[in-house]
């Protein structure tokens, strides 16, 4: 980023279907990200609860990031999401 340019951040997140979320970034770029492969393919028990769609839908935007849980159980690099890269 250039000096004095605003930092990239997520300003809106909309649930689509399954584990997919539409993210709107501070510069107006919109990306649809499917978090399903990460959640379904990750064996760590910390993520088990987010396989429940009701709990998955409880994401929020905090400090320009999409997060899940009170302690940010799930958080992903916003620059990777901006590039359209789903988490692995």
C-alpha atoms as a PDB file:
ATOM      1  CA  UNK A   1       0.000   0.000   0.000  1.00  0.00           C
ATOM      2  CA  UNK A   2       1.141   3.528  -0.685  1.00  0.00           C
ATOM      3  CA  UNK A   3       1.844   5.810   2.226  1.00  0.00           C
ATOM      4  CA  UNK A   4      -1.280   7.714   3.315  1.00  0.00           C
ATOM      5  CA  UNK A   5      -3.550   5.259   1.476  1.00  0.00           C
ATOM      6  CA  UNK A   6      -6.360   3.729   3.491  1.00  0.00           C
ATOM      7  CA  UNK A   7      -5.883   0.179   4.673  1.00  0.00           C
ATOM      8  CA  UNK A   8      -7.887  -2.505   2.966  1.00  0.00           C
ATOM      9  CA  UNK A   9     -10.738  -3.743   5.113  1.00  0.00           C
ATOM     10  CA  UNK A  10     -13.968  -5.689   4.879  1.00  0.00           C
ATOM     11  CA  UNK A  11     -16.936  -3.377   5.336  1.00  0.00           C
ATOM     12  CA  UNK A  12     -19.820  -5.782   4.731  1.00  0.00           C
ATOM     13  CA  UNK A  13     -20.446  -9.520   4.766  1.00  0.00           C
ATOM     14  CA  UNK A  14     -23.605 -11.193   3.512  1.00  0.00           C
ATOM     15  CA  UNK A  15     -24.450 -14.859   3.919  1.00  0.00           C
ATOM     16  CA  UNK A  16     -25.126 -16.554   0.564  1.00  0.00           C
ATOM     17  CA  UNK A  17     -25.615 -20.309   0.915  1.00  0.00           C
ATOM     18  CA  UNK A  18     -23.870 -23.274   2.513  1.00  0.00           C
ATOM     19  CA  UNK A  19     -20.571 -21.856   3.743  1.00  0.00           C
ATOM     20  CA  UNK A  20     -20.398 -19.045   1.198  1.00  0.00           C
ATOM     21  CA  UNK A  21     -20.235 -15.369   2.130  1.00  0.00           C
ATOM     22  CA  UNK A  22     -20.195 -12.268  -0.074  1.00  0.00           C
ATOM     23  CA  UNK A  23     -17.564  -9.813   1.163  1.00  0.00           C
ATOM     24  CA  UNK A  24     -17.482  -6.140   0.276  1.00  0.00           C
ATOM     25  CA  UNK A  25     -14.164  -4.377   0.750  1.00  0.00           C
ATOM     26  CA  UNK A  26     -13.418  -0.761   1.575  1.00  0.00           C
ATOM     27  CA  UNK A  27     -12.504  -0.008  -2.046  1.00  0.00           C
ATOM     28  CA  UNK A  28     -15.826  -1.391  -3.365  1.00  0.00           C
ATOM     29  CA  UNK A  29     -14.504  -4.761  -4.577  1.00  0.00           C
ATOM     30  CA  UNK A  30     -16.910  -7.636  -3.926  1.00  0.00           C
ATOM     31  CA  UNK A  31     -15.832 -11.271  -3.590  1.00  0.00           C
ATOM     32  CA  UNK A  32     -17.855 -14.433  -2.966  1.00  0.00           C
ATOM     33  CA  UNK A  33     -15.847 -16.774  -0.751  1.00  0.00           C
ATOM     34  CA  UNK A  34     -16.704 -20.393   0.025  1.00  0.00           C
ATOM     35  CA  UNK A  35     -15.352 -21.308   3.462  1.00  0.00           C
ATOM     36  CA  UNK A  36     -16.697 -24.872   3.110  1.00  0.00           C
ATOM     37  CA  UNK A  37     -13.505 -26.573   1.935  1.00  0.00           C
ATOM     38  CA  UNK A  38     -11.633 -25.125   4.911  1.00  0.00           C
ATOM     39  CA  UNK A  39     -14.282 -26.031   7.492  1.00  0.00           C
ATOM     40  CA  UNK A  40     -15.023 -29.488   6.131  1.00  0.00           C
ATOM     41  CA  UNK A  41     -11.395 -30.372   5.458  1.00  0.00           C
ATOM     42  CA  UNK A  42      -9.829 -29.102   8.660  1.00  0.00           C
ATOM     43  CA  UNK A  43      -9.586 -31.767  11.376  1.00  0.00           C
ATOM     44  CA  UNK A  44      -8.971 -29.326  14.248  1.00  0.00           C
ATOM     45  CA  UNK A  45     -11.858 -29.671  16.752  1.00  0.00           C
ATOM     46  CA  UNK A  46     -11.875 -25.908  17.333  1.00  0.00           C
ATOM     47  CA  UNK A  47     -13.681 -25.506  14.009  1.00  0.00           C
ATOM     48  CA  UNK A  48     -16.254 -28.283  14.469  1.00  0.00           C
ATOM     49  CA  UNK A  49     -18.944 -25.954  15.807  1.00  0.00           C
ATOM     50  CA  UNK A  50     -18.797 -23.778  12.683  1.00  0.00           C
ATOM     51  CA  UNK A  51     -19.797 -26.709  10.499  1.00  0.00           C
ATOM     52  CA  UNK A  52     -23.253 -26.098  11.976  1.00  0.00           C
ATOM     53  CA  UNK A  53     -24.737 -23.609   9.501  1.00  0.00           C
ATOM     54  CA  UNK A  54     -26.595 -21.747  12.271  1.00  0.00           C
ATOM     55  CA  UNK A  55     -23.304 -21.053  14.031  1.00  0.00           C
ATOM     56  CA  UNK A  56     -21.466 -20.365  10.780  1.00  0.00           C
ATOM     57  CA  UNK A  57     -23.994 -17.632   9.964  1.00  0.00           C
ATOM     58  CA  UNK A  58     -23.078 -15.774  13.168  1.00  0.00           C
ATOM     59  CA  UNK A  59     -20.038 -14.079  11.649  1.00  0.00           C
ATOM     60  CA  UNK A  60     -19.422 -10.391  12.200  1.00  0.00           C
ATOM     61  CA  UNK A  61     -17.143  -7.644  10.966  1.00  0.00           C
ATOM     62  CA  UNK A  62     -14.661  -6.365  13.538  1.00  0.00           C
ATOM     63  CA  UNK A  63     -11.768  -4.047  12.772  1.00  0.00           C
ATOM     64  CA  UNK A  64     -12.143  -4.714   9.049  1.00  0.00           C
ATOM     65  CA  UNK A  65     -12.067  -8.512   9.321  1.00  0.00           C
ATOM     66  CA  UNK A  66     -14.729 -11.188   9.121  1.00  0.00           C
ATOM     67  CA  UNK A  67     -14.616 -13.157  12.368  1.00  0.00           C
ATOM     68  CA  UNK A  68     -16.476 -15.884  14.192  1.00  0.00           C
ATOM     69  CA  UNK A  69     -16.690 -16.356  17.941  1.00  0.00           C
ATOM     70  CA  UNK A  70     -16.111 -14.031  20.872  1.00  0.00           C
ATOM     71  CA  UNK A  71     -12.379 -14.606  20.773  1.00  0.00           C
ATOM     72  CA  UNK A  72     -12.069 -14.657  17.005  1.00  0.00           C
ATOM     73  CA  UNK A  73     -12.112 -18.457  16.767  1.00  0.00           C
ATOM     74  CA  UNK A  74     -12.018 -18.020  13.008  1.00  0.00           C
ATOM     75  CA  UNK A  75     -10.310 -15.141  11.248  1.00  0.00           C
ATOM     76  CA  UNK A  76      -8.728 -15.071   7.810  1.00  0.00           C
ATOM     77  CA  UNK A  77      -6.233 -12.837   6.081  1.00  0.00           C
ATOM     78  CA  UNK A  78      -8.302 -10.113   4.412  1.00  0.00           C
ATOM     79  CA  UNK A  79      -5.751  -9.679   1.614  1.00  0.00           C
ATOM     80  CA  UNK A  80      -6.100 -13.332   0.622  1.00  0.00           C
ATOM     81  CA  UNK A  81      -9.892 -13.011   0.708  1.00  0.00           C
ATOM     82  CA  UNK A  82      -9.590  -9.836  -1.363  1.00  0.00           C
ATOM     83  CA  UNK A  83      -7.690 -11.809  -3.999  1.00  0.00           C
ATOM     84  CA  UNK A  84     -10.593 -14.261  -4.061  1.00  0.00           C
ATOM     85  CA  UNK A  85      -8.603 -17.021  -2.431  1.00  0.00           C
ATOM     86  CA  UNK A  86     -10.679 -19.215  -0.192  1.00  0.00           C
ATOM     87  CA  UNK A  87      -8.990 -20.292   3.030  1.00  0.00           C
ATOM     88  CA  UNK A  88      -7.330 -23.692   3.070  1.00  0.00           C
END
